Amino acid sequence: ALVTYEDDFCLHAADWIGFDVDHTVVRYNLPKLTELIYRLLADFLITERGYSAAIKEYDARYIQKGIVFEIATGNHLKLDEEGSVLRAFHGCNRCLSPEEVQEAYGGGPWWGFE
């Protein structure tokens, strides 16, 4: 479900989480903001979803445009401009093969892309 600024936000109700700071009137310190977002999400996943504390280590290489974290699968997805999955990683260490990406996500836009 799409959550807007008018809705109450609850991580338990989210299937995936994305952040967009491109079209705002606020100036962000993006390196600090992305690290804060990562650390808060990692804390949530560790305490509420039972993830390993190993994910707490911040690595800026994983912070880039078009990345979606799919909570149900534990996959990080790299999407193109049209929402198709270009690459997928499970956790921080395992890159899914092109065959696994095709089998899991097909060739069209990812289900959460609008």
Foldseek 3Di string as FASTA:
>chain_A
DDDDPVDDDDPVPDQKDDDDPPDDPDDDPVVVVVLVVQQVVLVCCCPPVVDDNVSNDDDCVLDDPQWMQGVVQQKIFRADPQQFTPWIARRDPRTDDPVRSCVVANGHHRPPDD
